[in-house]
C-alpha atoms as a PDB file:
ATOM      1  CA  MET A   1       4.822 -19.154  33.427  1.00  0.00           C
ATOM      2  CA  ASN A   2       2.700 -16.007  33.441  1.00  0.00           C
ATOM      3  CA  ARG A   3       3.919 -12.949  31.570  1.00  0.00           C
ATOM      4  CA  THR A   4       3.575  -9.351  32.784  1.00  0.00           C
ATOM      5  CA  TYR A   5       2.005  -6.853  30.400  1.00  0.00           C
ATOM      6  CA  VAL A   6       1.825  -3.073  30.720  1.00  0.00           C
ATOM      7  CA  ILE A   7      -1.115  -1.665  28.750  1.00  0.00           C
ATOM      8  CA  THR A   8      -1.678   2.055  28.250  1.00  0.00           C
ATOM      9  CA  GLY A   9      -5.211   3.218  27.562  1.00  0.00           C
ATOM     10  CA  ALA A  10      -6.445   0.254  29.585  1.00  0.00           C
ATOM     11  CA  GLY A  11      -9.522   2.090  30.858  1.00  0.00           C
ATOM     12  CA  SER A  12     -11.648   1.794  27.715  1.00  0.00           C
ATOM     13  CA  GLY A  13     -11.927   0.598  24.133  1.00  0.00           C
ATOM     14  CA  ILE A  14      -9.196  -1.598  22.676  1.00  0.00           C
ATOM     15  CA  GLY A  15      -6.986  -1.194  25.737  1.00  0.00           C
ATOM     16  CA  ALA A  16      -9.693  -2.406  28.114  1.00  0.00           C
ATOM     17  CA  ALA A  17     -10.548  -5.331  25.840  1.00  0.00           C
ATOM     18  CA  THR A  18      -6.890  -6.337  25.644  1.00  0.00           C
ATOM     19  CA  ALA A  19      -6.427  -6.122  29.392  1.00  0.00           C
ATOM     20  CA  GLN A  20      -9.532  -8.278  29.941  1.00  0.00           C
ATOM     21  CA  LEU A  21      -8.453 -10.859  27.358  1.00  0.00           C
ATOM     22  CA  LEU A  22      -4.979 -11.244  28.846  1.00  0.00           C
ATOM     23  CA  ARG A  23      -6.297 -11.462  32.392  1.00  0.00           C
ATOM     24  CA  GLU A  24      -8.727 -14.175  31.300  1.00  0.00           C
ATOM     25  CA  ARG A  25      -5.706 -16.054  29.966  1.00  0.00           C
ATOM     26  CA  GLY A  26      -4.058 -15.823  33.369  1.00  0.00           C
ATOM     27  CA  GLU A  27      -1.506 -13.125  32.528  1.00  0.00           C
ATOM     28  CA  ASN A  28      -0.447 -10.312  34.838  1.00  0.00           C
ATOM     29  CA  VAL A  29      -1.666  -6.940  33.579  1.00  0.00           C
ATOM     30  CA  ILE A  30      -0.769  -3.448  34.760  1.00  0.00           C
ATOM     31  CA  GLY A  31      -3.103  -0.888  33.241  1.00  0.00           C
ATOM     32  CA  VAL A  32      -2.211   2.744  32.665  1.00  0.00           C
ATOM     33  CA  ASP A  33      -4.860   5.403  32.092  1.00  0.00           C
ATOM     34  CA  LEU A  34      -6.054   8.807  33.252  1.00  0.00           C
ATOM     35  CA  ARG A  35      -8.332   7.086  35.743  1.00  0.00           C
ATOM     36  CA  GLY A  36      -9.612   3.659  36.709  1.00  0.00           C
ATOM     37  CA  ALA A  37      -6.349   1.777  36.174  1.00  0.00           C
ATOM     38  CA  GLU A  38      -3.519   0.424  38.319  1.00  0.00           C
ATOM     39  CA  VAL A  39      -1.447   3.412  37.229  1.00  0.00           C
ATOM     40  CA  GLU A  40      -3.270   6.715  36.840  1.00  0.00           C
ATOM     41  CA  ALA A  41      -1.250   9.150  34.751  1.00  0.00           C
ATOM     42  CA  ASP A  42      -1.549  11.829  32.083  1.00  0.00           C
ATOM     43  CA  LEU A  43       0.392  10.718  29.019  1.00  0.00           C
ATOM     44  CA  SER A  44      -0.095  14.089  27.331  1.00  0.00           C
ATOM     45  CA  THR A  45       2.766  15.573  29.377  1.00  0.00           C
ATOM     46  CA  PRO A  46       6.443  14.621  29.712  1.00  0.00           C
ATOM     47  CA  GLU A  47       6.062  14.535  33.488  1.00  0.00           C
ATOM     48  CA  GLY A  48       3.043  12.259  33.254  1.00  0.00           C
ATOM     49  CA  ARG A  49       4.859   9.835  30.949  1.00  0.00           C
ATOM     50  CA  THR A  50       7.864   9.608  33.253  1.00  0.00           C
ATOM     51  CA  ALA A  51       5.653   9.126  36.314  1.00  0.00           C
ATOM     52  CA  ALA A  52       3.642   6.434  34.525  1.00  0.00           C
ATOM     53  CA  VAL A  53       6.757   4.472  33.591  1.00  0.00           C
ATOM     54  CA  ALA A  54       8.133   4.685  37.131  1.00  0.00           C
ATOM     55  CA  ALA A  55       4.864   3.523  38.677  1.00  0.00           C
ATOM     56  CA  ALA A  56       4.406   0.668  36.201  1.00  0.00           C
ATOM     57  CA  VAL A  57       7.962  -0.567  36.701  1.00  0.00           C
ATOM     58  CA  GLU A  58       7.531  -0.449  40.469  1.00  0.00           C
ATOM     59  CA  LEU A  59       4.251  -2.399  40.351  1.00  0.00           C
ATOM     60  CA  ALA A  60       5.858  -4.947  38.031  1.00  0.00           C
ATOM     61  CA  GLY A  61       8.787  -5.463  40.370  1.00  0.00           C
ATOM     62  CA  ASP A  62      11.175  -4.329  37.624  1.00  0.00           C
ATOM     63  CA  SER A  63      10.072  -7.264  35.442  1.00  0.00           C
ATOM     64  CA  ILE A  64       8.000  -6.512  32.328  1.00  0.00           C
ATOM     65  CA  ASP A  65       7.555  -8.890  29.384  1.00  0.00           C
ATOM     66  CA  ALA A  66       5.472  -6.773  27.009  1.00  0.00           C
ATOM     67  CA  VAL A  67       4.127  -3.279  26.530  1.00  0.00           C
ATOM     68  CA  ILE A  68       0.950  -2.655  24.558  1.00  0.00           C
ATOM     69  CA  ALA A  69       0.359   1.049  23.937  1.00  0.00           C
ATOM     70  CA  CYS A  70      -3.329   1.622  23.221  1.00  0.00           C
ATOM     71  CA  ALA A  71      -3.783   5.119  24.675  1.00  0.00           C
ATOM     72  CA  GLY A  72      -5.047   7.550  22.083  1.00  0.00           C
ATOM     73  CA  ILE A  73      -7.645  10.193  21.297  1.00  0.00           C
ATOM     74  CA  ALA A  74      -9.120  11.684  18.108  1.00  0.00           C
ATOM     75  CA  ALA A  75      -9.651  15.310  19.126  1.00  0.00           C
ATOM     76  CA  PRO A  76      -9.053  17.856  16.324  1.00  0.00           C
ATOM     77  CA  SER A  77      -6.380  19.567  18.397  1.00  0.00           C
ATOM     78  CA  PRO A  78      -2.687  19.328  19.326  1.00  0.00           C
ATOM     79  CA  LEU A  79      -3.671  17.316  22.410  1.00  0.00           C
ATOM     80  CA  THR A  80      -4.037  14.399  20.004  1.00  0.00           C
ATOM     81  CA  VAL A  81      -0.419  14.840  18.913  1.00  0.00           C
ATOM     82  CA  LYS A  82       0.759  14.882  22.525  1.00  0.00           C
ATOM     83  CA  VAL A  83      -1.138  11.735  23.496  1.00  0.00           C
ATOM     84  CA  ASN A  84      -1.050   9.667  20.297  1.00  0.00           C
ATOM     85  CA  TYR A  85       2.573  10.226  19.336  1.00  0.00           C
ATOM     86  CA  PHE A  86       4.671  11.496  22.220  1.00  0.00           C
ATOM     87  CA  GLY A  87       2.553   9.696  24.816  1.00  0.00           C
ATOM     88  CA  VAL A  88       3.376   6.443  23.034  1.00  0.00           C
ATOM     89  CA  THR A  89       6.956   6.909  21.849  1.00  0.00           C
ATOM     90  CA  GLU A  90       8.338   8.527  25.002  1.00  0.00           C
ATOM     91  CA  PHE A  91       6.621   5.966  27.211  1.00  0.00           C
ATOM     92  CA  LEU A  92       8.125   3.122  25.182  1.00  0.00           C
ATOM     93  CA  GLU A  93      11.582   4.659  25.015  1.00  0.00           C
ATOM     94  CA  GLN A  94      11.686   5.143  28.772  1.00  0.00           C
ATOM     95  CA  ILE A  95      10.428   1.668  29.611  1.00  0.00           C
ATOM     96  CA  ALA A  96      12.568  -0.119  26.998  1.00  0.00           C
ATOM     97  CA  PRO A  97      15.571  -0.788  29.306  1.00  0.00           C
ATOM     98  CA  VAL A  98      13.347  -2.674  31.762  1.00  0.00           C
ATOM     99  CA  LEU A  99      11.494  -4.469  28.979  1.00  0.00           C
ATOM    100  CA  ALA A 100      14.795  -5.640  27.493  1.00  0.00           C
ATOM    101  CA  LYS A 101      15.495  -7.681  30.647  1.00  0.00           C
ATOM    102  CA  SER A 102      12.675 -10.099  29.763  1.00  0.00           C
ATOM    103  CA  PRO A 103      13.635 -13.407  28.094  1.00  0.00           C
ATOM    104  CA  ALA A 104      10.934 -12.686  25.469  1.00  0.00           C
ATOM    105  CA  PRO A 105      10.255  -8.921  25.355  1.00  0.00           C
ATOM    106  CA  ARG A 106       7.622  -7.501  23.017  1.00  0.00           C
ATOM    107  CA  ALA A 107       6.154  -4.063  22.191  1.00  0.00           C
ATOM    108  CA  VAL A 108       3.056  -3.184  20.182  1.00  0.00           C
ATOM    109  CA  VAL A 109       1.247   0.103  19.573  1.00  0.00           C
ATOM    110  CA  VAL A 110      -2.137   1.037  18.149  1.00  0.00           C
ATOM    111  CA  SER A 111      -1.938   3.122  14.996  1.00  0.00           C
ATOM    112  CA  SER A 112      -4.971   3.515  12.716  1.00  0.00           C
ATOM    113  CA  MET A 113      -6.371   3.286   9.204  1.00  0.00           C
ATOM    114  CA  ALA A 114      -6.154   7.066   9.443  1.00  0.00           C
ATOM    115  CA  SER A 115      -2.403   6.700   8.918  1.00  0.00           C
ATOM    116  CA  LEU A 116      -3.303   6.393   5.207  1.00  0.00           C
ATOM    117  CA  GLN A 117      -5.463   9.524   5.140  1.00  0.00           C
ATOM    118  CA  PRO A 118      -4.344  13.035   4.108  1.00  0.00           C
ATOM    119  CA  ASN A 119      -2.079  14.563   6.729  1.00  0.00           C
ATOM    120  CA  SER A 120       0.248  17.457   7.477  1.00  0.00           C
ATOM    121  CA  ALA A 121       3.742  16.515   6.287  1.00  0.00           C
ATOM    122  CA  GLU A 122       5.173  19.370   8.340  1.00  0.00           C
ATOM    123  CA  LEU A 123       3.518  18.071  11.490  1.00  0.00           C
ATOM    124  CA  VAL A 124       4.586  14.493  10.812  1.00  0.00           C
ATOM    125  CA  GLU A 125       8.211  15.563  10.378  1.00  0.00           C
ATOM    126  CA  ALA A 126       8.142  17.595  13.601  1.00  0.00           C
ATOM    127  CA  MET A 127       6.930  14.550  15.512  1.00  0.00           C
ATOM    128  CA  LEU A 128       9.526  12.256  13.952  1.00  0.00           C
ATOM    129  CA  ALA A 129      12.195  14.808  14.859  1.00  0.00           C
ATOM    130  CA  GLY A 130      11.085  14.514  18.497  1.00  0.00           C
ATOM    131  CA  ASP A 131      10.240  18.233  18.642  1.00  0.00           C
ATOM    132  CA  GLU A 132       7.098  18.253  20.761  1.00  0.00           C
ATOM    133  CA  GLU A 133       7.061  22.032  21.151  1.00  0.00           C
ATOM    134  CA  ARG A 134       7.153  22.556  17.376  1.00  0.00           C
ATOM    135  CA  ALA A 135       4.596  19.802  16.776  1.00  0.00           C
ATOM    136  CA  VAL A 136       2.164  21.399  19.230  1.00  0.00           C
ATOM    137  CA  GLU A 137       2.722  24.762  17.572  1.00  0.00           C
ATOM    138  CA  ILE A 138       1.836  23.314  14.146  1.00  0.00           C
ATOM    139  CA  GLY A 139      -1.125  21.390  15.577  1.00  0.00           C
ATOM    140  CA  THR A 140      -2.442  24.555  17.209  1.00  0.00           C
ATOM    141  CA  ALA A 141      -2.213  26.465  13.926  1.00  0.00           C
ATOM    142  CA  LEU A 142      -4.157  23.684  12.205  1.00  0.00           C
ATOM    143  CA  LYS A 143      -6.851  23.839  14.865  1.00  0.00           C
ATOM    144  CA  GLU A 144      -7.170  27.591  14.464  1.00  0.00           C
ATOM    145  CA  ALA A 145      -7.487  27.249  10.673  1.00  0.00           C
ATOM    146  CA  GLY A 146     -10.865  25.510  10.904  1.00  0.00           C
ATOM    147  CA  PRO A 147     -12.452  22.050  11.242  1.00  0.00           C
ATOM    148  CA  GLY A 148     -10.839  20.540   8.122  1.00  0.00           C
ATOM    149  CA  PRO A 149      -7.243  21.448   8.943  1.00  0.00           C
ATOM    150  CA  ALA A 150      -7.848  20.748  12.652  1.00  0.00           C
ATOM    151  CA  TYR A 151      -8.726  17.113  11.877  1.00  0.00           C
ATOM    152  CA  LEU A 152      -5.263  16.635  10.354  1.00  0.00           C
ATOM    153  CA  ASN A 153      -3.877  16.386  13.886  1.00  0.00           C
ATOM    154  CA  TYR A 154      -5.286  12.857  14.098  1.00  0.00           C
ATOM    155  CA  PRO A 155      -4.110  11.196  10.861  1.00  0.00           C
ATOM    156  CA  SER A 156      -0.784  13.004  11.180  1.00  0.00           C
ATOM    157  CA  SER A 157      -0.245  11.538  14.638  1.00  0.00           C
ATOM    158  CA  LYS A 158      -0.962   8.021  13.374  1.00  0.00           C
ATOM    159  CA  ARG A 159       1.147   8.406  10.223  1.00  0.00           C
ATOM    160  CA  ALA A 160       4.080   9.549  12.360  1.00  0.00           C
ATOM    161  CA  LEU A 161       3.542   6.682  14.802  1.00  0.00           C
ATOM    162  CA  SER A 162       3.584   4.026  12.076  1.00  0.00           C
ATOM    163  CA  ARG A 163       6.711   5.582  10.552  1.00  0.00           C
ATOM    164  CA  TRP A 164       8.377   5.666  13.984  1.00  0.00           C
ATOM    165  CA  VAL A 165       7.633   1.964  14.470  1.00  0.00           C
ATOM    166  CA  ARG A 166       9.119   1.071  11.099  1.00  0.00           C
ATOM    167  CA  ARG A 167      12.223   3.199  11.669  1.00  0.00           C
ATOM    168  CA  GLU A 168      12.886   2.229  15.270  1.00  0.00           C
ATOM    169  CA  SER A 169      12.094  -1.491  14.964  1.00  0.00           C
ATOM    170  CA  ILE A 170      15.506  -2.261  13.430  1.00  0.00           C
ATOM    171  CA  SER A 171      17.486  -0.109  15.850  1.00  0.00           C
ATOM    172  CA  GLU A 172      19.779  -1.324  18.603  1.00  0.00           C
ATOM    173  CA  ARG A 173      17.218  -0.351  21.238  1.00  0.00           C
ATOM    174  CA  TRP A 174      14.598  -2.700  19.796  1.00  0.00           C
ATOM    175  CA  ALA A 175      15.919  -5.325  17.360  1.00  0.00           C
ATOM    176  CA  GLY A 176      19.303  -5.213  19.071  1.00  0.00           C
ATOM    177  CA  ALA A 177      17.623  -6.091  22.361  1.00  0.00           C
ATOM    178  CA  GLY A 178      15.525  -8.849  20.784  1.00  0.00           C
ATOM    179  CA  ILE A 179      12.291  -6.849  20.988  1.00  0.00           C
ATOM    180  CA  PRO A 180       9.818  -7.092  18.095  1.00  0.00           C
ATOM    181  CA  LEU A 181       8.174  -3.661  17.727  1.00  0.00           C
ATOM    182  CA  ASN A 182       4.959  -3.443  15.723  1.00  0.00           C
ATOM    183  CA  ALA A 183       1.739  -1.499  15.228  1.00  0.00           C
ATOM    184  CA  ILE A 184      -1.798  -2.455  14.365  1.00  0.00           C
ATOM    185  CA  ALA A 185      -4.122  -0.239  12.336  1.00  0.00           C
ATOM    186  CA  PRO A 186      -7.799  -0.829  13.079  1.00  0.00           C
ATOM    187  CA  GLY A 187     -10.580   0.208  10.756  1.00  0.00           C
ATOM    188  CA  THR A 188     -13.772   1.395  12.419  1.00  0.00           C
ATOM    189  CA  VAL A 189     -14.052  -0.033  15.931  1.00  0.00           C
ATOM    190  CA  ILE A 190     -17.220   0.067  18.006  1.00  0.00           C
ATOM    191  CA  SER A 191     -15.955   1.926  21.062  1.00  0.00           C
ATOM    192  CA  PRO A 192     -16.595   5.048  23.162  1.00  0.00           C
ATOM    193  CA  MET A 193     -14.518   7.013  20.633  1.00  0.00           C
ATOM    194  CA  THR A 194     -16.904   6.178  17.769  1.00  0.00           C
ATOM    195  CA  THR A 195     -20.269   5.877  19.568  1.00  0.00           C
ATOM    196  CA  GLU A 196     -21.517   9.349  18.676  1.00  0.00           C
ATOM    197  CA  LEU A 197     -20.308   9.182  15.065  1.00  0.00           C
ATOM    198  CA  LEU A 198     -21.950   5.813  14.437  1.00  0.00           C
ATOM    199  CA  SER A 199     -25.220   6.731  16.144  1.00  0.00           C
ATOM    200  CA  THR A 200     -26.775   8.279  13.011  1.00  0.00           C
ATOM    201  CA  PRO A 201     -27.177   7.056   9.418  1.00  0.00           C
ATOM    202  CA  GLU A 202     -25.299  10.135   8.226  1.00  0.00           C
ATOM    203  CA  GLY A 203     -22.401   9.416  10.545  1.00  0.00           C
ATOM    204  CA  ARG A 204     -22.204   5.789   9.464  1.00  0.00           C
ATOM    205  CA  GLU A 205     -22.351   6.768   5.782  1.00  0.00           C
ATOM    206  CA  LEU A 206     -19.504   9.261   6.217  1.00  0.00           C
ATOM    207  CA  THR A 207     -17.446   6.743   8.159  1.00  0.00           C
ATOM    208  CA  ASP A 208     -17.942   3.980   5.632  1.00  0.00           C
ATOM    209  CA  LYS A 209     -17.053   6.285   2.754  1.00  0.00           C
ATOM    210  CA  HIS A 210     -13.620   6.914   4.246  1.00  0.00           C
ATOM    211  CA  VAL A 211     -13.126   3.470   5.826  1.00  0.00           C
ATOM    212  CA  PRO A 212     -14.937   0.845   3.702  1.00  0.00           C
ATOM    213  CA  MET A 213     -14.936  -2.541   5.447  1.00  0.00           C
ATOM    214  CA  PRO A 214     -16.259  -5.281   3.131  1.00  0.00           C
ATOM    215  CA  LEU A 215     -15.209  -8.090   5.500  1.00  0.00           C
ATOM    216  CA  ASN A 216     -17.478  -8.341   8.549  1.00  0.00           C
ATOM    217  CA  TYR A 217     -18.044  -4.552   8.770  1.00  0.00           C
ATOM    218  CA  HIS A 218     -17.222  -2.626  11.977  1.00  0.00           C
ATOM    219  CA  SER A 219     -15.254  -4.575  14.556  1.00  0.00           C
ATOM    220  CA  GLU A 220     -15.571  -5.082  18.281  1.00  0.00           C
ATOM    221  CA  PRO A 221     -12.523  -4.125  20.380  1.00  0.00           C
ATOM    222  CA  VAL A 222     -11.771  -7.774  21.217  1.00  0.00           C
ATOM    223  CA  VAL A 223     -10.933  -8.400  17.544  1.00  0.00           C
ATOM    224  CA  LEU A 224      -7.967  -6.058  17.880  1.00  0.00           C
ATOM    225  CA  ALA A 225      -7.164  -7.356  21.353  1.00  0.00           C
ATOM    226  CA  ARG A 226      -6.541 -10.846  19.947  1.00  0.00           C
ATOM    227  CA  LEU A 227      -4.078  -9.496  17.383  1.00  0.00           C
ATOM    228  CA  LEU A 228      -2.292  -7.359  19.951  1.00  0.00           C
ATOM    229  CA  ALA A 229      -2.039 -10.342  22.274  1.00  0.00           C
ATOM    230  CA  TRP A 230      -0.359 -12.456  19.610  1.00  0.00           C
ATOM    231  CA  LEU A 231       2.090  -9.753  18.558  1.00  0.00           C
ATOM    232  CA  ALA A 232       3.017  -9.303  22.226  1.00  0.00           C
ATOM    233  CA  SER A 233       3.354 -13.036  22.865  1.00  0.00           C
ATOM    234  CA  GLU A 234       6.375 -15.322  22.879  1.00  0.00           C
ATOM    235  CA  GLU A 235       5.100 -16.840  19.617  1.00  0.00           C
ATOM    236  CA  ASN A 236       5.999 -13.702  17.676  1.00  0.00           C
ATOM    237  CA  THR A 237       9.738 -13.914  17.093  1.00  0.00           C
ATOM    238  CA  HIS A 238      10.220 -12.316  13.657  1.00  0.00           C
ATOM    239  CA  VAL A 239       7.345  -9.957  12.843  1.00  0.00           C
ATOM    240  CA  THR A 240       8.700  -6.454  13.408  1.00  0.00           C
ATOM    241  CA  GLY A 241       8.435  -2.955  11.977  1.00  0.00           C
ATOM    242  CA  GLN A 242       4.964  -3.677  10.630  1.00  0.00           C
ATOM    243  CA  THR A 243       1.712  -1.794  10.736  1.00  0.00           C
ATOM    244  CA  ILE A 244      -0.856  -4.548  10.364  1.00  0.00           C
ATOM    245  CA  TYR A 245      -4.140  -3.259   8.981  1.00  0.00           C
ATOM    246  CA  ALA A 246      -6.840  -5.166  10.851  1.00  0.00           C
ATOM    247  CA  ASP A 247      -9.491  -3.230   8.995  1.00  0.00           C
ATOM    248  CA  GLY A 248     -11.983  -5.528   7.316  1.00  0.00           C
ATOM    249  CA  GLY A 249     -10.401  -4.852   3.940  1.00  0.00           C
ATOM    250  CA  ALA A 250     -10.362  -1.039   4.080  1.00  0.00           C
ATOM    251  CA  ASP A 251      -6.703  -0.727   3.112  1.00  0.00           C
ATOM    252  CA  ALA A 252      -7.128  -3.088   0.141  1.00  0.00           C
ATOM    253  CA  SER A 253     -10.289  -1.255  -0.908  1.00  0.00           C
ATOM    254  CA  LEU A 254      -8.673   2.174  -0.819  1.00  0.00           C
ATOM    255  CA  ARG A 255      -5.170   1.452  -2.075  1.00  0.00           C
ATOM    256  CA  GLY A 256      -5.866  -1.384  -4.477  1.00  0.00           C
ATOM    257  CA  ASP A 257      -3.834  -4.475  -5.291  1.00  0.00           C
ATOM    258  CA  ASP A 258      -0.470  -2.812  -6.040  1.00  0.00           C
ATOM    259  CA  ILE A 259       1.078  -0.792  -3.232  1.00  0.00           C
ATOM    260  CA  TRP A 260       4.619  -1.583  -4.417  1.00  0.00           C
ATOM    261  CA  ALA A 261       4.625   0.303  -7.716  1.00  0.00           C
END
């Protein structure tokens, strides 16, 4: 029997690849994006998140088996915080009651290798506290402090997202409802988000310095789509709370063989 998947960020990159893969497998997919999807909504605002959930639930006939949250941006501004963290967590929290009705509900989000990069602890804590106004205030101050601090909006949003997944996965809302909740952390993915950066030797050198990928180098979006599809499938019954680094060995290269010490 076909499953129904709601995918945010379905208009491009990993989200589009995941939507295509699942449709090719005969699954029902409801895409959510700013434009060009079954549900057009702005996940950077509370109103947009609520409207997106309502529209997706209506299209699904109140029956959703999995949510895959791929929507995200890498702008050096607080907009990244609004989309990458609150646009994911609030969307999932609001849709969770409908998802829980499925006989095999699943939820997966896209974090990033950047979750391991330097970040703003103050910003991360504001996000985890659910204080969007304070988080935007901190993100705005970082942007105004210059390019270096401004970039911290991105890794901070992904660090907070991976921590949220780990914390919430064992809660009554998720584990209590039989819903595995996980994240994946891609390395460098060939997508519209990275096209400009990877278009020059200097850009590639800078990227590879921060995200070394000894196994098979930069990945196509479908590589991540396959992992997302499995985590969101009925086959995954016990993997939860994890951020899985699908990064060509970048995590192992940067953090070494002992991350437990």
